[in-house]
Each structure stands twice: as C-alpha cells, then as structure tokens.
C-alpha atoms as a PDB file:
ATOM      1  CA  UNK A   1       5.304  13.710 -24.797  1.00  0.00           C
ATOM      2  CA  UNK A   2       3.794  10.555 -23.361  1.00  0.00           C
ATOM      3  CA  UNK A   3       7.398   9.241 -22.838  1.00  0.00           C
ATOM      4  CA  UNK A   4       8.547  12.188 -20.804  1.00  0.00           C
ATOM      5  CA  UNK A   5       4.956  11.713 -18.629  1.00  0.00           C
ATOM      6  CA  UNK A   6       5.924   8.305 -18.159  1.00  0.00           C
ATOM      7  CA  UNK A   7       9.239   8.741 -17.160  1.00  0.00           C
ATOM      8  CA  UNK A   8       7.898  11.588 -14.838  1.00  0.00           C
ATOM      9  CA  UNK A   9       4.874   9.512 -13.525  1.00  0.00           C
ATOM     10  CA  UNK A  10       7.516   6.475 -12.847  1.00  0.00           C
ATOM     11  CA  UNK A  11       9.993   8.785 -11.026  1.00  0.00           C
ATOM     12  CA  UNK A  12       7.236  10.442  -8.825  1.00  0.00           C
ATOM     13  CA  UNK A  13       5.935   6.873  -8.086  1.00  0.00           C
ATOM     14  CA  UNK A  14       9.037   5.885  -6.883  1.00  0.00           C
ATOM     15  CA  UNK A  15       9.855   8.929  -4.957  1.00  0.00           C
ATOM     16  CA  UNK A  16       6.557   8.657  -2.952  1.00  0.00           C
ATOM     17  CA  UNK A  17       7.255   4.974  -2.165  1.00  0.00           C
ATOM     18  CA  UNK A  18      10.678   5.187  -1.006  1.00  0.00           C
ATOM     19  CA  UNK A  19       9.707   8.371   0.963  1.00  0.00           C
ATOM     20  CA  UNK A  20       6.620   6.344   2.623  1.00  0.00           C
ATOM     21  CA  UNK A  21       8.886   3.137   3.389  1.00  0.00           C
ATOM     22  CA  UNK A  22      11.954   4.847   4.542  1.00  0.00           C
ATOM     23  CA  UNK A  23      10.416   8.253   5.987  1.00  0.00           C
ATOM     24  CA  UNK A  24      12.591  10.263   7.872  1.00  0.00           C
ATOM     25  CA  UNK A  25      13.869   7.749  10.473  1.00  0.00           C
ATOM     26  CA  UNK A  26      15.975   5.571   7.650  1.00  0.00           C
ATOM     27  CA  UNK A  27      16.206   1.899   7.666  1.00  0.00           C
ATOM     28  CA  UNK A  28      15.421   1.308  11.688  1.00  0.00           C
ATOM     29  CA  UNK A  29      11.851   2.896  11.207  1.00  0.00           C
ATOM     30  CA  UNK A  30      10.674   0.414   8.443  1.00  0.00           C
ATOM     31  CA  UNK A  31       7.858  -1.285  10.041  1.00  0.00           C
ATOM     32  CA  UNK A  32       8.539  -0.416  13.705  1.00  0.00           C
ATOM     33  CA  UNK A  33       5.548   0.324  15.495  1.00  0.00           C
ATOM     34  CA  UNK A  34       7.704   1.696  18.367  1.00  0.00           C
ATOM     35  CA  UNK A  35       8.702   4.467  15.564  1.00  0.00           C
ATOM     36  CA  UNK A  36       5.545   5.444  14.813  1.00  0.00           C
ATOM     37  CA  UNK A  37       1.943   6.531  16.692  1.00  0.00           C
ATOM     38  CA  UNK A  38       0.175   4.320  13.943  1.00  0.00           C
ATOM     39  CA  UNK A  39       0.397   0.659  14.213  1.00  0.00           C
ATOM     40  CA  UNK A  40      -0.551   0.507  10.207  1.00  0.00           C
ATOM     41  CA  UNK A  41       2.847   2.112   9.494  1.00  0.00           C
ATOM     42  CA  UNK A  42       4.657  -0.241   7.442  1.00  0.00           C
ATOM     43  CA  UNK A  43       4.471  -2.247   3.874  1.00  0.00           C
ATOM     44  CA  UNK A  44       1.706  -5.011   3.816  1.00  0.00           C
ATOM     45  CA  UNK A  45       0.960  -7.505   0.882  1.00  0.00           C
ATOM     46  CA  UNK A  46      -2.352  -8.363  -0.376  1.00  0.00           C
ATOM     47  CA  UNK A  47      -3.552 -11.756   0.903  1.00  0.00           C
ATOM     48  CA  UNK A  48      -6.366 -14.065  -0.101  1.00  0.00           C
ATOM     49  CA  UNK A  49      -9.148 -15.083   2.303  1.00  0.00           C
ATOM     50  CA  UNK A  50      -7.124 -17.915   3.416  1.00  0.00           C
ATOM     51  CA  UNK A  51      -4.547 -15.096   4.653  1.00  0.00           C
ATOM     52  CA  UNK A  52      -1.710 -16.275   1.889  1.00  0.00           C
ATOM     53  CA  UNK A  53      -0.270 -13.458   0.210  1.00  0.00           C
ATOM     54  CA  UNK A  54      -1.234 -13.513  -3.487  1.00  0.00           C
ATOM     55  CA  UNK A  55       1.291 -13.457  -5.950  1.00  0.00           C
ATOM     56  CA  UNK A  56      -0.971 -13.578  -9.116  1.00  0.00           C
ATOM     57  CA  UNK A  57      -3.052 -10.503  -8.850  1.00  0.00           C
ATOM     58  CA  UNK A  58      -5.984 -10.067 -11.473  1.00  0.00           C
ATOM     59  CA  UNK A  59      -4.691 -13.627 -12.545  1.00  0.00           C
ATOM     60  CA  UNK A  60      -1.267 -12.768 -13.781  1.00  0.00           C
ATOM     61  CA  UNK A  61       1.369 -14.945 -12.495  1.00  0.00           C
ATOM     62  CA  UNK A  62       3.938 -12.808 -10.406  1.00  0.00           C
ATOM     63  CA  UNK A  63       1.691  -9.974  -9.944  1.00  0.00           C
ATOM     64  CA  UNK A  64       1.447  -8.872  -6.322  1.00  0.00           C
ATOM     65  CA  UNK A  65      -0.185  -5.693  -4.375  1.00  0.00           C
ATOM     66  CA  UNK A  66       1.232  -3.927  -1.780  1.00  0.00           C
ATOM     67  CA  UNK A  67      -0.057  -0.933   0.597  1.00  0.00           C
ATOM     68  CA  UNK A  68       2.570   1.422   2.354  1.00  0.00           C
ATOM     69  CA  UNK A  69       1.332   3.536   5.030  1.00  0.00           C
ATOM     70  CA  UNK A  70       3.628   6.366   6.627  1.00  0.00           C
ATOM     71  CA  UNK A  71       2.242   8.209   9.667  1.00  0.00           C
ATOM     72  CA  UNK A  72      -0.377  10.313   7.627  1.00  0.00           C
ATOM     73  CA  UNK A  73      -0.114   8.700   4.103  1.00  0.00           C
ATOM     74  CA  UNK A  74      -0.826   5.865   1.892  1.00  0.00           C
ATOM     75  CA  UNK A  75      -0.275   4.549  -1.310  1.00  0.00           C
ATOM     76  CA  UNK A  76      -0.991   1.109  -3.364  1.00  0.00           C
ATOM     77  CA  UNK A  77       1.615  -0.189  -5.664  1.00  0.00           C
ATOM     78  CA  UNK A  78       1.258  -3.250  -7.968  1.00  0.00           C
ATOM     79  CA  UNK A  79       4.545  -5.023  -8.656  1.00  0.00           C
ATOM     80  CA  UNK A  80       5.088  -7.478 -11.177  1.00  0.00           C
ATOM     81  CA  UNK A  81       7.670 -10.358 -11.227  1.00  0.00           C
ATOM     82  CA  UNK A  82      10.196 -11.072 -12.732  1.00  0.00           C
ATOM     83  CA  UNK A  83       9.407  -7.875 -15.135  1.00  0.00           C
ATOM     84  CA  UNK A  84      10.302  -5.375 -12.641  1.00  0.00           C
ATOM     85  CA  UNK A  85       7.544  -3.588 -13.240  1.00  0.00           C
ATOM     86  CA  UNK A  86       4.994  -1.439 -11.265  1.00  0.00           C
ATOM     87  CA  UNK A  87       1.875   0.856 -11.151  1.00  0.00           C
ATOM     88  CA  UNK A  88       0.610   2.834  -8.303  1.00  0.00           C
ATOM     89  CA  UNK A  89      -2.880   2.700  -8.060  1.00  0.00           C
ATOM     90  CA  UNK A  90      -4.018   5.157  -5.234  1.00  0.00           C
ATOM     91  CA  UNK A  91      -2.268   7.284  -3.203  1.00  0.00           C
ATOM     92  CA  UNK A  92      -3.889   9.320  -0.333  1.00  0.00           C
ATOM     93  CA  UNK A  93      -3.820  10.702   2.989  1.00  0.00           C
ATOM     94  CA  UNK A  94      -5.702   8.667   6.248  1.00  0.00           C
ATOM     95  CA  UNK A  95      -6.666   9.603   9.784  1.00  0.00           C
ATOM     96  CA  UNK A  96      -6.633   6.821  12.508  1.00  0.00           C
ATOM     97  CA  UNK A  97      -9.049   6.519  15.650  1.00  0.00           C
ATOM     98  CA  UNK A  98      -9.010   3.604  17.540  1.00  0.00           C
ATOM     99  CA  UNK A  99     -10.045   0.322  15.451  1.00  0.00           C
ATOM    100  CA  UNK A 100     -11.040   2.700  12.479  1.00  0.00           C
ATOM    101  CA  UNK A 101      -9.431   4.457  10.029  1.00  0.00           C
ATOM    102  CA  UNK A 102     -10.600   6.887   7.068  1.00  0.00           C
ATOM    103  CA  UNK A 103      -8.656   6.859   3.814  1.00  0.00           C
ATOM    104  CA  UNK A 104      -9.326   9.879   1.738  1.00  0.00           C
ATOM    105  CA  UNK A 105      -8.177   9.141  -2.031  1.00  0.00           C
ATOM    106  CA  UNK A 106      -6.024  11.931  -3.844  1.00  0.00           C
ATOM    107  CA  UNK A 107      -4.258  10.624  -6.884  1.00  0.00           C
ATOM    108  CA  UNK A 108      -5.329   7.587  -8.625  1.00  0.00           C
ATOM    109  CA  UNK A 109      -4.231   5.946 -11.986  1.00  0.00           C
ATOM    110  CA  UNK A 110      -6.374   7.241 -14.861  1.00  0.00           C
ATOM    111  CA  UNK A 111      -9.224   4.239 -14.926  1.00  0.00           C
ATOM    112  CA  UNK A 112      -9.707   4.991 -11.180  1.00  0.00           C
ATOM    113  CA  UNK A 113     -10.511   8.750 -11.635  1.00  0.00           C
ATOM    114  CA  UNK A 114     -14.255   8.380 -10.126  1.00  0.00           C
ATOM    115  CA  UNK A 115     -12.133   7.797  -6.632  1.00  0.00           C
ATOM    116  CA  UNK A 116     -10.336  11.129  -6.327  1.00  0.00           C
ATOM    117  CA  UNK A 117     -11.517  12.730  -3.260  1.00  0.00           C
ATOM    118  CA  UNK A 118     -13.575   9.471  -2.034  1.00  0.00           C
ATOM    119  CA  UNK A 119     -13.329   8.699   1.511  1.00  0.00           C
ATOM    120  CA  UNK A 120     -13.511   4.800   2.487  1.00  0.00           C
ATOM    121  CA  UNK A 121     -13.993   4.173   6.132  1.00  0.00           C
ATOM    122  CA  UNK A 122     -12.490   0.943   7.543  1.00  0.00           C
ATOM    123  CA  UNK A 123     -12.475  -0.904  11.169  1.00  0.00           C
ATOM    124  CA  UNK A 124      -9.517  -3.200  11.177  1.00  0.00           C
ATOM    125  CA  UNK A 125      -7.669  -5.396  13.873  1.00  0.00           C
ATOM    126  CA  UNK A 126      -4.255  -6.403  14.055  1.00  0.00           C
ATOM    127  CA  UNK A 127      -3.025 -10.188  14.833  1.00  0.00           C
ATOM    128  CA  UNK A 128       0.847 -10.775  14.851  1.00  0.00           C
ATOM    129  CA  UNK A 129       1.897  -9.970  11.101  1.00  0.00           C
ATOM    130  CA  UNK A 130      -1.624  -9.746   9.444  1.00  0.00           C
ATOM    131  CA  UNK A 131      -4.153  -6.744   9.050  1.00  0.00           C
ATOM    132  CA  UNK A 132      -7.889  -7.633   8.689  1.00  0.00           C
ATOM    133  CA  UNK A 133      -9.829  -4.748   7.293  1.00  0.00           C
ATOM    134  CA  UNK A 134     -13.786  -4.832   6.859  1.00  0.00           C
ATOM    135  CA  UNK A 135     -14.794  -1.456   4.849  1.00  0.00           C
ATOM    136  CA  UNK A 136     -18.264   0.197   6.530  1.00  0.00           C
ATOM    137  CA  UNK A 137     -18.836   2.443   3.789  1.00  0.00           C
ATOM    138  CA  UNK A 138     -17.456   0.389   0.953  1.00  0.00           C
ATOM    139  CA  UNK A 139     -17.265  -3.110  -0.031  1.00  0.00           C
ATOM    140  CA  UNK A 140     -13.481  -3.889   0.696  1.00  0.00           C
ATOM    141  CA  UNK A 141     -12.912  -6.427   3.180  1.00  0.00           C
ATOM    142  CA  UNK A 142      -9.412  -7.652   3.049  1.00  0.00           C
ATOM    143  CA  UNK A 143      -6.411  -9.435   4.719  1.00  0.00           C
ATOM    144  CA  UNK A 144      -2.749  -7.849   4.485  1.00  0.00           C
ATOM    145  CA  UNK A 145       0.312  -9.488   5.550  1.00  0.00           C
ATOM    146  CA  UNK A 146       2.977  -6.877   7.483  1.00  0.00           C
ATOM    147  CA  UNK A 147       6.060  -7.015   5.239  1.00  0.00           C
ATOM    148  CA  UNK A 148       8.973  -7.102   7.046  1.00  0.00           C
ATOM    149  CA  UNK A 149      11.616  -6.727   4.161  1.00  0.00           C
ATOM    150  CA  UNK A 150      13.230  -4.015   2.270  1.00  0.00           C
ATOM    151  CA  UNK A 151      12.032  -2.668  -0.849  1.00  0.00           C
ATOM    152  CA  UNK A 152      14.297  -4.124  -2.962  1.00  0.00           C
ATOM    153  CA  UNK A 153      13.951  -7.505  -1.604  1.00  0.00           C
ATOM    154  CA  UNK A 154       9.937  -7.459  -2.715  1.00  0.00           C
ATOM    155  CA  UNK A 155      10.921  -8.543  -6.380  1.00  0.00           C
ATOM    156  CA  UNK A 156      12.920 -11.430  -5.163  1.00  0.00           C
ATOM    157  CA  UNK A 157      10.421 -13.373  -3.110  1.00  0.00           C
END
C-alpha cells in the first residue's frame, strides 16, 4: 500500500510541477513576464546570503530547492542530484498586490502539517534575475534566482 501511495504522490508532484512550469502557454511562457501579470511566474532557485544558488541544501551535497510560481499557485520542491530524486515540501496559492504577496499553504509533506492553512506575507523586490523576499509575519528572509532553463536541464547543472 505504501508503494502505491508513494507512486501516486510522486506522479501528483510531477504533474503539478509540469503544469506549474509549462502552464497553458507552452515553452514560450516559461519565466516570461510578458506572458503573465505576475512578475513571480517562473522557476526560482534558493540562494544563500551571498546570492549564490545553494547546491547543498540542508548540508547534503547536490540538494537544491526550487520555487515555481504560476499565475496564482506555487510549489516548493527539493531536487537531489545525481540521484534524480525530488520531494515536494509545500504547495499553495498566492495573491499579489504591489510589492507584497501572500502565500496560503494548501498541501505539505508530512513533517510540515502544522503549516496547512497558514498565510505567510512577504515584501519582495526583483533585481535582474534575483528576487529578494522579506517575511513580514514570518522569519523567512530569502534570496531566489530566476532559472531560465527547462525542467530536465535542472539536474544537469
């Protein structure tokens, strides 16, 4: 039974990630602000305080964190190279007004159940390929780098 659940969850994560990245606009819509009313739409990799993408998240070599935004939804996914493994940490919706966005957590991995339904508010600014995020009702102050690559290229970096 656990294998069936795991396969179903893995398929659901891949389907959501594919939908989030490719959406209805095909490859031309990937990371294109012109195709979107939201400057957040696209795939972002988590960076350290030095604005360099983190390639050893949780001190595990090859583990990287990505956040994918569609027009109104987001997903946070961790990818482990070279094992080609991933796990979905958070899935939810967001609203955007000026330089503030609010995430509403809808689905989480089991150890993050306490976040379901939580709303996190962020001030953000985008400078070039970087998004600087400051939590206003939470401790998350982060830097994300826009990834201008296709999904299958993420594991080749």
